[in-house]
Amino acid sequence: MTKADVIDNVCNKVGFSKKESAEIVEMVFDTLKDTLEKGEKIKLSGFGNFVVREKKSRVGRNPQTGQEIEISARKVLTFRPSQVLKNALNK
């Protein structure tokens, strides 16, 4: 599913125009992105949790050459589905 598909679904289910639906979807995504950029957790009841985690730098290995390289510290986004979502997927 693409962002355009989400916009179409909002348009069809709520009855807003395509332009209004696109603005709403963009606002929701912008809010989620801004919250995650601040390092805050997002909890969507009945759906799941989005959490930004810090990963430390570590030594890795190039699988082609076997040469050791340092993998820099970074932030990663993780998602944990709620039990409701898990149950819906495994009906």
N, C-alpha and C. Protein backbone atom coordinates (compact mmCIF):
# COMPACT_ATOMS: atom_id res chain seq x y z
N MET A 1 0.85 -1.18 0.00
CA MET A 1 0.00 0.00 0.00
C MET A 1 0.88 1.23 0.00
N THR A 2 0.55 2.17 -0.83
CA THR A 2 1.32 3.41 -0.94
C THR A 2 0.58 4.55 -0.24
N LYS A 3 1.26 5.68 -0.12
CA LYS A 3 0.62 6.85 0.48
C LYS A 3 -0.61 7.26 -0.32
N ALA A 4 -0.53 7.14 -1.65
CA ALA A 4 -1.67 7.47 -2.51
C ALA A 4 -2.86 6.56 -2.20
N ASP A 5 -2.58 5.29 -1.92
CA ASP A 5 -3.65 4.35 -1.56
C ASP A 5 -4.30 4.75 -0.22
N VAL A 6 -3.47 5.18 0.72
CA VAL A 6 -4.00 5.63 2.02
C VAL A 6 -4.90 6.85 1.81
N ILE A 7 -4.44 7.78 0.98
CA ILE A 7 -5.23 8.98 0.69
C ILE A 7 -6.56 8.60 0.05
N ASP A 8 -6.52 7.68 -0.91
CA ASP A 8 -7.76 7.22 -1.56
C ASP A 8 -8.72 6.59 -0.55
N ASN A 9 -8.19 5.77 0.36
CA ASN A 9 -9.04 5.13 1.36
C ASN A 9 -9.69 6.15 2.29
N VAL A 10 -8.90 7.15 2.72
CA VAL A 10 -9.45 8.20 3.57
C VAL A 10 -10.54 8.96 2.81
N CYS A 11 -10.27 9.26 1.56
CA CYS A 11 -11.22 9.98 0.73
C CYS A 11 -12.53 9.20 0.61
N ASN A 12 -12.43 7.92 0.33
CA ASN A 12 -13.62 7.08 0.14
C ASN A 12 -14.40 6.83 1.43
N LYS A 13 -13.69 6.60 2.53
CA LYS A 13 -14.36 6.24 3.79
C LYS A 13 -14.91 7.44 4.53
N VAL A 14 -14.23 8.58 4.45
CA VAL A 14 -14.66 9.74 5.23
C VAL A 14 -15.49 10.71 4.38
N GLY A 15 -15.24 10.70 3.09
CA GLY A 15 -16.02 11.57 2.22
C GLY A 15 -15.41 12.93 1.97
N PHE A 16 -14.16 13.11 2.40
CA PHE A 16 -13.47 14.36 2.12
C PHE A 16 -13.02 14.35 0.67
N SER A 17 -12.66 15.54 0.16
CA SER A 17 -12.09 15.60 -1.19
C SER A 17 -10.70 14.99 -1.16
N LYS A 18 -10.17 14.70 -2.34
CA LYS A 18 -8.81 14.14 -2.42
C LYS A 18 -7.80 15.09 -1.82
N LYS A 19 -7.96 16.38 -2.09
CA LYS A 19 -7.02 17.37 -1.58
C LYS A 19 -7.05 17.41 -0.06
N GLU A 20 -8.25 17.43 0.52
CA GLU A 20 -8.38 17.45 1.98
C GLU A 20 -7.81 16.16 2.59
N SER A 21 -8.09 15.05 1.96
CA SER A 21 -7.58 13.76 2.45
C SER A 21 -6.07 13.74 2.41
N ALA A 22 -5.49 14.26 1.33
CA ALA A 22 -4.03 14.31 1.20
C ALA A 22 -3.42 15.18 2.29
N GLU A 23 -4.05 16.32 2.57
CA GLU A 23 -3.54 17.21 3.62
C GLU A 23 -3.60 16.55 4.98
N ILE A 24 -4.67 15.84 5.26
CA ILE A 24 -4.81 15.15 6.55
C ILE A 24 -3.75 14.07 6.70
N VAL A 25 -3.60 13.25 5.67
CA VAL A 25 -2.61 12.17 5.72
C VAL A 25 -1.21 12.76 5.88
N GLU A 26 -0.90 13.81 5.15
CA GLU A 26 0.42 14.46 5.27
C GLU A 26 0.63 15.00 6.68
N MET A 27 -0.40 15.61 7.28
CA MET A 27 -0.28 16.14 8.64
C MET A 27 -0.02 15.02 9.63
N VAL A 28 -0.70 13.89 9.47
CA VAL A 28 -0.50 12.75 10.38
C VAL A 28 0.93 12.24 10.25
N PHE A 29 1.40 12.04 9.01
CA PHE A 29 2.77 11.56 8.82
C PHE A 29 3.80 12.55 9.33
N ASP A 30 3.57 13.84 9.11
CA ASP A 30 4.50 14.86 9.61
C ASP A 30 4.55 14.85 11.14
N THR A 31 3.40 14.69 11.77
CA THR A 31 3.35 14.63 13.23
C THR A 31 4.11 13.42 13.75
N LEU A 32 3.91 12.26 13.11
CA LEU A 32 4.62 11.05 13.51
C LEU A 32 6.13 11.24 13.34
N LYS A 33 6.53 11.79 12.19
CA LYS A 33 7.95 12.00 11.91
C LYS A 33 8.57 12.96 12.92
N ASP A 34 7.90 14.08 13.20
CA ASP A 34 8.43 15.07 14.14
C ASP A 34 8.58 14.47 15.54
N THR A 35 7.60 13.68 15.94
CA THR A 35 7.66 13.04 17.27
C THR A 35 8.83 12.08 17.34
N LEU A 36 9.03 11.27 16.31
CA LEU A 36 10.13 10.31 16.30
C LEU A 36 11.49 11.01 16.23
N GLU A 37 11.57 12.12 15.50
CA GLU A 37 12.82 12.88 15.42
C GLU A 37 13.24 13.40 16.79
N LYS A 38 12.27 13.71 17.64
CA LYS A 38 12.55 14.18 19.00
C LYS A 38 12.98 13.02 19.91
N GLY A 39 12.86 11.79 19.42
CA GLY A 39 13.23 10.63 20.21
C GLY A 39 12.11 10.12 21.08
N GLU A 40 10.91 10.62 20.86
CA GLU A 40 9.77 10.20 21.67
C GLU A 40 9.13 8.95 21.09
N LYS A 41 8.47 8.22 21.97
CA LYS A 41 7.79 6.98 21.59
C LYS A 41 6.39 7.30 21.09
N ILE A 42 5.91 6.53 20.12
CA ILE A 42 4.55 6.68 19.62
C ILE A 42 3.79 5.39 19.93
N LYS A 43 2.69 5.52 20.65
CA LYS A 43 1.86 4.37 20.98
C LYS A 43 0.49 4.57 20.36
N LEU A 44 0.14 3.70 19.42
CA LEU A 44 -1.16 3.73 18.77
C LEU A 44 -1.96 2.54 19.29
N SER A 45 -2.91 2.83 20.13
CA SER A 45 -3.70 1.78 20.78
C SER A 45 -4.35 0.88 19.74
N GLY A 46 -4.20 -0.42 19.91
CA GLY A 46 -4.78 -1.38 18.99
C GLY A 46 -3.94 -1.61 17.75
N PHE A 47 -2.82 -0.88 17.63
CA PHE A 47 -1.95 -1.04 16.46
C PHE A 47 -0.54 -1.44 16.87
N GLY A 48 0.12 -0.58 17.67
CA GLY A 48 1.46 -0.92 18.13
C GLY A 48 2.25 0.30 18.56
N ASN A 49 3.54 0.07 18.83
CA ASN A 49 4.44 1.10 19.32
C ASN A 49 5.60 1.31 18.36
N PHE A 50 5.92 2.58 18.11
CA PHE A 50 7.11 2.94 17.35
C PHE A 50 8.09 3.54 18.36
N VAL A 51 9.33 3.02 18.36
CA VAL A 51 10.33 3.49 19.31
C VAL A 51 11.64 3.71 18.56
N VAL A 52 12.30 4.84 18.86
CA VAL A 52 13.63 5.11 18.31
C VAL A 52 14.64 4.60 19.31
N ARG A 53 15.54 3.72 18.85
CA ARG A 53 16.58 3.15 19.70
C ARG A 53 17.94 3.64 19.25
N GLU A 54 18.84 3.78 20.20
CA GLU A 54 20.22 4.14 19.91
C GLU A 54 21.03 2.85 19.78
N LYS A 55 21.77 2.72 18.70
CA LYS A 55 22.68 1.59 18.54
C LYS A 55 24.10 2.11 18.69
N LYS A 56 24.90 1.42 19.45
CA LYS A 56 26.29 1.81 19.66
C LYS A 56 27.12 1.43 18.44
N SER A 57 28.26 2.08 18.30
CA SER A 57 29.16 1.69 17.22
C SER A 57 29.73 0.31 17.55
N ARG A 58 30.05 -0.43 16.50
CA ARG A 58 30.58 -1.78 16.70
C ARG A 58 31.45 -2.15 15.52
N VAL A 59 32.20 -3.22 15.71
CA VAL A 59 33.07 -3.71 14.65
C VAL A 59 32.29 -4.75 13.86
N GLY A 60 32.26 -4.57 12.54
CA GLY A 60 31.62 -5.52 11.66
C GLY A 60 32.63 -6.10 10.69
N ARG A 61 32.17 -6.92 9.80
CA ARG A 61 33.07 -7.55 8.86
C ARG A 61 32.47 -7.49 7.46
N ASN A 62 33.28 -7.11 6.49
CA ASN A 62 32.86 -7.11 5.10
C ASN A 62 32.76 -8.57 4.66
N PRO A 63 31.57 -9.03 4.27
CA PRO A 63 31.41 -10.45 3.95
C PRO A 63 32.20 -10.88 2.69
N GLN A 64 32.50 -9.95 1.80
CA GLN A 64 33.23 -10.31 0.58
C GLN A 64 34.73 -10.43 0.82
N THR A 65 35.27 -9.50 1.63
CA THR A 65 36.72 -9.50 1.82
C THR A 65 37.14 -10.03 3.18
N GLY A 66 36.22 -10.07 4.15
CA GLY A 66 36.57 -10.49 5.50
C GLY A 66 37.22 -9.38 6.30
N GLN A 67 37.38 -8.21 5.71
CA GLN A 67 38.04 -7.08 6.37
C GLN A 67 37.12 -6.51 7.45
N GLU A 68 37.72 -6.21 8.61
CA GLU A 68 36.95 -5.61 9.70
C GLU A 68 36.72 -4.13 9.40
N ILE A 69 35.51 -3.67 9.67
CA ILE A 69 35.18 -2.25 9.52
C ILE A 69 34.36 -1.82 10.73
N GLU A 70 34.43 -0.54 11.03
CA GLU A 70 33.64 -0.04 12.15
C GLU A 70 32.29 0.45 11.64
N ILE A 71 31.24 -0.02 12.26
CA ILE A 71 29.89 0.42 11.95
C ILE A 71 29.56 1.52 12.95
N SER A 72 29.24 2.69 12.44
CA SER A 72 29.06 3.87 13.30
C SER A 72 27.78 3.76 14.14
N ALA A 73 27.76 4.53 15.22
CA ALA A 73 26.58 4.60 16.08
C ALA A 73 25.46 5.26 15.28
N ARG A 74 24.25 4.82 15.54
CA ARG A 74 23.12 5.37 14.80
C ARG A 74 21.83 5.14 15.57
N LYS A 75 20.78 5.78 15.09
CA LYS A 75 19.45 5.58 15.65
C LYS A 75 18.68 4.69 14.69
N VAL A 76 17.88 3.78 15.24
CA VAL A 76 17.06 2.90 14.42
C VAL A 76 15.62 2.97 14.92
N LEU A 77 14.69 2.82 14.01
CA LEU A 77 13.28 2.83 14.34
C LEU A 77 12.79 1.39 14.46
N THR A 78 12.15 1.08 15.58
CA THR A 78 11.59 -0.25 15.76
C THR A 78 10.08 -0.14 15.92
N PHE A 79 9.40 -1.20 15.51
CA PHE A 79 7.95 -1.27 15.65
C PHE A 79 7.60 -2.56 16.36
N ARG A 80 6.74 -2.43 17.35
CA ARG A 80 6.23 -3.60 18.06
C ARG A 80 4.72 -3.61 17.91
N PRO A 81 4.17 -4.61 17.23
CA PRO A 81 2.71 -4.65 17.06
C PRO A 81 2.01 -4.95 18.38
N SER A 82 0.80 -4.42 18.52
CA SER A 82 0.01 -4.70 19.72
C SER A 82 -0.55 -6.11 19.63
N GLN A 83 -1.02 -6.61 20.74
CA GLN A 83 -1.63 -7.94 20.76
C GLN A 83 -2.87 -7.98 19.88
N VAL A 84 -3.61 -6.88 19.83
CA VAL A 84 -4.81 -6.80 18.99
C VAL A 84 -4.43 -7.01 17.53
N LEU A 85 -3.37 -6.33 17.06
CA LEU A 85 -2.91 -6.47 15.69
C LEU A 85 -2.40 -7.88 15.43
N LYS A 86 -1.63 -8.42 16.37
CA LYS A 86 -1.12 -9.79 16.21
C LYS A 86 -2.27 -10.77 16.08
N ASN A 87 -3.29 -10.61 16.91
CA ASN A 87 -4.45 -11.52 16.83
C ASN A 87 -5.19 -11.37 15.51
N ALA A 88 -5.31 -10.15 15.01
CA ALA A 88 -5.99 -9.93 13.74
C ALA A 88 -5.23 -10.57 12.58
N LEU A 89 -3.90 -10.55 12.66
CA LEU A 89 -3.08 -11.13 11.61
C LEU A 89 -3.12 -12.66 11.64
N ASN A 90 -3.34 -13.21 12.82
CA ASN A 90 -3.27 -14.67 12.98
C ASN A 90 -4.62 -15.31 13.21
N LYS A 91 -5.68 -14.75 12.64
CA LYS A 91 -7.02 -15.33 12.80
C LYS A 91 -7.08 -16.73 12.25
